[in-house]
Structures are given as C-alpha cells and as structure tokens.
Amino acid sequence: MGSGRIDLSDQDILHWVAAEFGVKPPYHPPQVRRVTRQKLSKLYLQNTRNMPRAIAGKSVVDSILGLFIAETNVIYVRAHMSDCRQAAIVAHEVAHFFQVMTLGKLDKWEGLSNEVRAFRELEAREIEIRFQKVFCNKSVAKQRQGAAPSAGDAGAGVTFTLIKR
C-alpha cells in the first residue's frame, strides 16, 4: 500500500476508527507507544499466554507489528515503518481497543472460541485495510490542503458491528 507521509495524529486515527464502529465518547483512549521489533516481540511473549508462537513454521513473534494490552490500555506499534503503514497498524490496534471496550473487561484470547478470535482479528484487519485505502492512497496534495479525515471518507457502505459473543 502507500508508503507516503500522512498527517494524522494518533487521536485522529482513534476518532476515525470510533466513527467506523459507531462508538461515541466517552471512552478512555489508549496510549500509543512506538517500540523496537525486539521490545514488541518481548511484550507479545509476556502478554499473550495462549496465542501461537508460530504458524506454518513461521515465527509469529518476529512478525508482530502491533499489540494492544487491555490491562494497561496501551497500544504498542513497531517503530521504523513508513508513516502510512504505522498509522494503519495503529488503526488495527485501536479496533482491538474498541472490541475489548465494547465487550467489557475480558482477556480477548482466553475462553473465547477460535471463531470469535478469528472474527475479531478479521474485523481489525478490515479496519487496517480500509484505513490504508482511505488515507494512504490519497494524494499528498489533498492532505496538504488541510482536508480533515472523516468516517465518510471510507465509502463503500460497509458497516462494522462489534460482536458481543
């Protein structure tokens, strides 16, 4: 996808994802921290007891780009990616924040069926993809003109619903 510069703050991304999900304040926004691949891998191992360490022989740990830790309300995103890619990963993790917020305080991996886990991941991935299409593929000229992001920019008429299983 696009690898250019985008001028959105983490707060802008949070508001865009909230609008996509139809979530209205009040909510306590998570902190977003950019960390090295090594730090992100370590956090993943410390905070995901029941998650796979490898899929089809490939390490999941080394390929993690973001992680939302509900207990601390912090999103960690791998540093040293293009602005667009990093912002899209923030949007993906913000989707997980809203999933956890809507479902209440619950460990998103324990006690959930594989179907529910897969749906949540697919839903967050769809937000990530839509974010890239809306913001990373726009012309730089439009962004420099001060065009504010909005949920209406997403188009396509897809409605997201947070599952409550």
C-alpha atoms as a PDB file:
ATOM      1  CA  MET A   1       0.000   0.000   0.000  1.00  0.00           C
ATOM      2  CA  GLY A   2       1.007   3.612   0.167  1.00  0.00           C
ATOM      3  CA  SER A   3       4.273   4.441   1.779  1.00  0.00           C
ATOM      4  CA  GLY A   4       3.972   8.215   1.839  1.00  0.00           C
ATOM      5  CA  ARG A   5       3.660  10.645   4.653  1.00  0.00           C
ATOM      6  CA  ILE A   6       0.307  11.205   6.295  1.00  0.00           C
ATOM      7  CA  ASP A   7      -0.517  13.970   8.699  1.00  0.00           C
ATOM      8  CA  LEU A   8      -2.824  12.286  11.184  1.00  0.00           C
ATOM      9  CA  SER A   9      -2.274  12.138  14.901  1.00  0.00           C
ATOM     10  CA  ASP A  10      -2.985   9.026  16.932  1.00  0.00           C
ATOM     11  CA  GLN A  11      -6.039  10.909  18.243  1.00  0.00           C
ATOM     12  CA  ASP A  12      -7.271  11.490  14.668  1.00  0.00           C
ATOM     13  CA  ILE A  13      -6.908   7.775  13.986  1.00  0.00           C
ATOM     14  CA  LEU A  14      -8.797   6.913  17.181  1.00  0.00           C
ATOM     15  CA  HIS A  15     -11.693   9.187  16.193  1.00  0.00           C
ATOM     16  CA  TRP A  16     -11.800   7.747  12.667  1.00  0.00           C
ATOM     17  CA  VAL A  17     -11.960   4.161  13.963  1.00  0.00           C
ATOM     18  CA  ALA A  18     -14.603   5.162  16.529  1.00  0.00           C
ATOM     19  CA  ALA A  19     -16.719   6.619  13.719  1.00  0.00           C
ATOM     20  CA  GLU A  20     -16.243   3.445  11.658  1.00  0.00           C
ATOM     21  CA  PHE A  21     -17.546   1.368  14.560  1.00  0.00           C
ATOM     22  CA  GLY A  22     -20.231   3.885  15.508  1.00  0.00           C
ATOM     23  CA  VAL A  23     -18.753   4.301  19.002  1.00  0.00           C
ATOM     24  CA  LYS A  24     -19.380   7.621  20.696  1.00  0.00           C
ATOM     25  CA  PRO A  25     -17.466   9.105  23.636  1.00  0.00           C
ATOM     26  CA  PRO A  26     -16.917   8.854  26.480  1.00  0.00           C
ATOM     27  CA  TYR A  27     -14.085   6.390  26.276  1.00  0.00           C
ATOM     28  CA  HIS A  28     -10.620   6.484  27.755  1.00  0.00           C
ATOM     29  CA  PRO A  29      -8.272   6.492  24.738  1.00  0.00           C
ATOM     30  CA  PRO A  30      -5.299   4.172  24.897  1.00  0.00           C
ATOM     31  CA  GLN A  31      -1.764   5.485  24.875  1.00  0.00           C
ATOM     32  CA  VAL A  32       0.192   4.679  21.734  1.00  0.00           C
ATOM     33  CA  ARG A  33       3.881   3.862  22.028  1.00  0.00           C
ATOM     34  CA  ARG A  34       6.318   3.152  19.222  1.00  0.00           C
ATOM     35  CA  VAL A  35       8.869   0.498  20.119  1.00  0.00           C
ATOM     36  CA  THR A  36      11.575  -1.600  18.504  1.00  0.00           C
ATOM     37  CA  ARG A  37      10.825  -5.005  16.983  1.00  0.00           C
ATOM     38  CA  GLN A  38      12.687  -6.641  19.864  1.00  0.00           C
ATOM     39  CA  LYS A  39      10.646  -4.789  22.508  1.00  0.00           C
ATOM     40  CA  LEU A  40       7.379  -5.592  20.703  1.00  0.00           C
ATOM     41  CA  SER A  41       8.314  -9.289  20.481  1.00  0.00           C
ATOM     42  CA  LYS A  42       9.092  -9.343  24.201  1.00  0.00           C
ATOM     43  CA  LEU A  43       5.767  -7.662  25.044  1.00  0.00           C
ATOM     44  CA  TYR A  44       3.915 -10.166  22.849  1.00  0.00           C
ATOM     45  CA  LEU A  45       5.510 -13.116  24.634  1.00  0.00           C
ATOM     46  CA  GLN A  46       4.778 -11.604  28.064  1.00  0.00           C
ATOM     47  CA  ASN A  47       1.143 -10.724  27.338  1.00  0.00           C
ATOM     48  CA  THR A  48      -0.274 -13.450  25.091  1.00  0.00           C
ATOM     49  CA  ARG A  49      -0.127 -16.712  27.013  1.00  0.00           C
ATOM     50  CA  ASN A  50      -2.483 -18.668  24.771  1.00  0.00           C
ATOM     51  CA  MET A  51      -1.501 -17.300  21.392  1.00  0.00           C
ATOM     52  CA  PRO A  52       0.553 -19.227  18.854  1.00  0.00           C
ATOM     53  CA  ARG A  53       4.285 -18.639  18.663  1.00  0.00           C
ATOM     54  CA  ALA A  54       4.491 -19.911  15.091  1.00  0.00           C
ATOM     55  CA  ILE A  55       2.059 -20.503  12.236  1.00  0.00           C
ATOM     56  CA  ALA A  56       3.008 -22.839   9.395  1.00  0.00           C
ATOM     57  CA  GLY A  57       6.564 -22.896  10.683  1.00  0.00           C
ATOM     58  CA  LYS A  58       6.957 -19.116  10.544  1.00  0.00           C
ATOM     59  CA  SER A  59       7.565 -17.183  13.747  1.00  0.00           C
ATOM     60  CA  VAL A  60       4.617 -15.009  14.690  1.00  0.00           C
ATOM     61  CA  VAL A  61       6.691 -13.259  17.324  1.00  0.00           C
ATOM     62  CA  ASP A  62       9.123 -11.720  14.840  1.00  0.00           C
ATOM     63  CA  SER A  63       6.384 -10.547  12.502  1.00  0.00           C
ATOM     64  CA  ILE A  64       4.199  -8.738  15.064  1.00  0.00           C
ATOM     65  CA  LEU A  65       3.602  -5.113  14.031  1.00  0.00           C
ATOM     66  CA  GLY A  66       1.308  -4.012  16.858  1.00  0.00           C
ATOM     67  CA  LEU A  67      -0.200  -5.096  20.145  1.00  0.00           C
ATOM     68  CA  PHE A  68      -2.998  -3.739  22.353  1.00  0.00           C
ATOM     69  CA  ILE A  69      -2.689  -4.587  26.035  1.00  0.00           C
ATOM     70  CA  ALA A  70      -6.094  -4.038  27.639  1.00  0.00           C
ATOM     71  CA  GLU A  71      -4.857  -4.206  31.238  1.00  0.00           C
ATOM     72  CA  THR A  72      -2.650  -1.146  30.767  1.00  0.00           C
ATOM     73  CA  ASN A  73      -4.714   0.479  27.965  1.00  0.00           C
ATOM     74  CA  VAL A  74      -1.588   0.834  25.848  1.00  0.00           C
ATOM     75  CA  ILE A  75      -1.078   0.182  22.154  1.00  0.00           C
ATOM     76  CA  TYR A  76       2.433  -0.740  21.097  1.00  0.00           C
ATOM     77  CA  VAL A  77       3.398  -0.303  17.446  1.00  0.00           C
ATOM     78  CA  ARG A  78       6.644  -1.289  15.800  1.00  0.00           C
ATOM     79  CA  ALA A  79       8.755   1.767  15.029  1.00  0.00           C
ATOM     80  CA  HIS A  80      10.692   2.205  11.798  1.00  0.00           C
ATOM     81  CA  MET A  81       7.858   1.570   9.328  1.00  0.00           C
ATOM     82  CA  SER A  82       6.514   4.026   6.782  1.00  0.00           C
ATOM     83  CA  ASP A  83       4.109   6.608   8.202  1.00  0.00           C
ATOM     84  CA  CYS A  84       1.152   5.089   6.349  1.00  0.00           C
ATOM     85  CA  ARG A  85       1.912   1.532   7.454  1.00  0.00           C
ATOM     86  CA  GLN A  86       2.445   2.575  11.052  1.00  0.00           C
ATOM     87  CA  ALA A  87      -0.787   4.599  11.111  1.00  0.00           C
ATOM     88  CA  ALA A  88      -2.711   1.657   9.632  1.00  0.00           C
ATOM     89  CA  ILE A  89      -1.345  -0.602  12.373  1.00  0.00           C
ATOM     90  CA  VAL A  90      -2.447   1.962  14.968  1.00  0.00           C
ATOM     91  CA  ALA A  91      -5.947   1.832  13.407  1.00  0.00           C
ATOM     92  CA  HIS A  92      -5.881  -2.005  13.605  1.00  0.00           C
ATOM     93  CA  GLU A  93      -4.922  -1.929  17.297  1.00  0.00           C
ATOM     94  CA  VAL A  94      -7.469   0.810  18.044  1.00  0.00           C
ATOM     95  CA  ALA A  95     -10.072  -1.561  16.582  1.00  0.00           C
ATOM     96  CA  HIS A  96      -8.993  -4.122  19.189  1.00  0.00           C
ATOM     97  CA  PHE A  97      -9.319  -1.419  21.864  1.00  0.00           C
ATOM     98  CA  PHE A  98     -12.935  -0.801  20.862  1.00  0.00           C
ATOM     99  CA  GLN A  99     -13.634  -4.543  20.689  1.00  0.00           C
ATOM    100  CA  VAL A 100     -12.375  -5.007  24.248  1.00  0.00           C
ATOM    101  CA  MET A 101     -14.109  -1.823  25.460  1.00  0.00           C
ATOM    102  CA  THR A 102     -17.445  -2.897  23.995  1.00  0.00           C
ATOM    103  CA  LEU A 103     -17.215  -6.434  25.358  1.00  0.00           C
ATOM    104  CA  GLY A 104     -16.167  -5.279  28.821  1.00  0.00           C
ATOM    105  CA  LYS A 105     -13.002  -6.118  30.691  1.00  0.00           C
ATOM    106  CA  LEU A 106     -12.097  -9.508  29.340  1.00  0.00           C
ATOM    107  CA  ASP A 107      -8.944 -11.183  28.160  1.00  0.00           C
ATOM    108  CA  LYS A 108      -9.535 -11.253  24.431  1.00  0.00           C
ATOM    109  CA  TRP A 109      -7.866 -14.641  23.961  1.00  0.00           C
ATOM    110  CA  GLU A 110      -8.831 -16.774  26.941  1.00  0.00           C
ATOM    111  CA  GLY A 111     -12.168 -18.510  26.998  1.00  0.00           C
ATOM    112  CA  LEU A 112     -13.138 -17.414  23.505  1.00  0.00           C
ATOM    113  CA  SER A 113     -13.844 -19.741  20.639  1.00  0.00           C
ATOM    114  CA  ASN A 114     -11.490 -19.761  17.685  1.00  0.00           C
ATOM    115  CA  GLU A 115     -14.361 -18.396  15.610  1.00  0.00           C
ATOM    116  CA  VAL A 116     -14.730 -15.323  17.825  1.00  0.00           C
ATOM    117  CA  ARG A 117     -10.975 -14.738  17.925  1.00  0.00           C
ATOM    118  CA  ALA A 118     -10.763 -15.044  14.148  1.00  0.00           C
ATOM    119  CA  PHE A 119     -13.691 -12.669  13.657  1.00  0.00           C
ATOM    120  CA  ARG A 120     -12.109 -10.041  15.885  1.00  0.00           C
ATOM    121  CA  GLU A 121      -8.822 -10.274  14.042  1.00  0.00           C
ATOM    122  CA  LEU A 122     -10.543 -10.093  10.657  1.00  0.00           C
ATOM    123  CA  GLU A 123     -12.574  -7.100  11.782  1.00  0.00           C
ATOM    124  CA  ALA A 124      -9.425  -5.278  12.921  1.00  0.00           C
ATOM    125  CA  ARG A 125      -7.657  -6.238   9.682  1.00  0.00           C
ATOM    126  CA  GLU A 126     -10.569  -4.823   7.667  1.00  0.00           C
ATOM    127  CA  ILE A 127     -10.227  -1.517   9.557  1.00  0.00           C
ATOM    128  CA  GLU A 128      -6.491  -1.549   8.774  1.00  0.00           C
ATOM    129  CA  ILE A 129      -7.112  -2.169   5.066  1.00  0.00           C
ATOM    130  CA  ARG A 130      -9.834   0.457   4.860  1.00  0.00           C
ATOM    131  CA  PHE A 131      -7.592   2.961   6.624  1.00  0.00           C
ATOM    132  CA  GLN A 132      -4.856   2.340   4.057  1.00  0.00           C
ATOM    133  CA  LYS A 133      -7.290   2.791   1.181  1.00  0.00           C
ATOM    134  CA  VAL A 134      -8.730   5.990   2.611  1.00  0.00           C
ATOM    135  CA  PHE A 135      -5.610   7.729   3.890  1.00  0.00           C
ATOM    136  CA  CYS A 136      -2.516   6.119   2.413  1.00  0.00           C
ATOM    137  CA  ASN A 137      -3.712   6.177  -1.174  1.00  0.00           C
ATOM    138  CA  LYS A 138      -4.957   9.755  -1.148  1.00  0.00           C
ATOM    139  CA  SER A 139      -2.935  12.336  -2.951  1.00  0.00           C
ATOM    140  CA  VAL A 140      -0.477  14.317  -0.883  1.00  0.00           C
ATOM    141  CA  ALA A 141      -1.976  17.476  -2.338  1.00  0.00           C
ATOM    142  CA  LYS A 142      -5.359  16.858  -0.710  1.00  0.00           C
ATOM    143  CA  GLN A 143      -3.734  16.218   2.661  1.00  0.00           C
ATOM    144  CA  ARG A 144      -1.702  19.416   2.423  1.00  0.00           C
ATOM    145  CA  GLN A 145      -4.858  21.391   1.714  1.00  0.00           C
ATOM    146  CA  GLY A 146      -5.944  20.553   5.253  1.00  0.00           C
ATOM    147  CA  ALA A 147      -8.628  18.018   4.392  1.00  0.00           C
ATOM    148  CA  ALA A 148      -9.810  16.585   7.683  1.00  0.00           C
ATOM    149  CA  PRO A 149     -10.359  12.822   7.899  1.00  0.00           C
ATOM    150  CA  SER A 150     -13.898  11.641   8.390  1.00  0.00           C
ATOM    151  CA  ALA A 151     -15.809   8.393   8.543  1.00  0.00           C
ATOM    152  CA  GLY A 152     -17.488   9.402   5.308  1.00  0.00           C
ATOM    153  CA  ASP A 153     -14.119   9.158   3.567  1.00  0.00           C
ATOM    154  CA  ALA A 154     -14.323   5.399   3.915  1.00  0.00           C
ATOM    155  CA  GLY A 155     -17.062   4.996   1.327  1.00  0.00           C
ATOM    156  CA  ALA A 156     -18.140   1.548   0.153  1.00  0.00           C
ATOM    157  CA  GLY A 157     -21.095   1.475   2.565  1.00  0.00           C
ATOM    158  CA  VAL A 158     -19.628  -1.268   4.748  1.00  0.00           C
ATOM    159  CA  THR A 159     -20.933  -1.201   8.296  1.00  0.00           C
ATOM    160  CA  PHE A 160     -18.906  -2.605  11.148  1.00  0.00           C
ATOM    161  CA  THR A 161     -20.576  -4.193  14.133  1.00  0.00           C
ATOM    162  CA  LEU A 162     -18.696  -5.143  17.234  1.00  0.00           C
ATOM    163  CA  ILE A 163     -19.596  -8.690  18.125  1.00  0.00           C
ATOM    164  CA  LYS A 164     -20.851  -9.392  21.635  1.00  0.00           C
ATOM    165  CA  ARG A 165     -20.223 -13.107  21.986  1.00  0.00           C
END
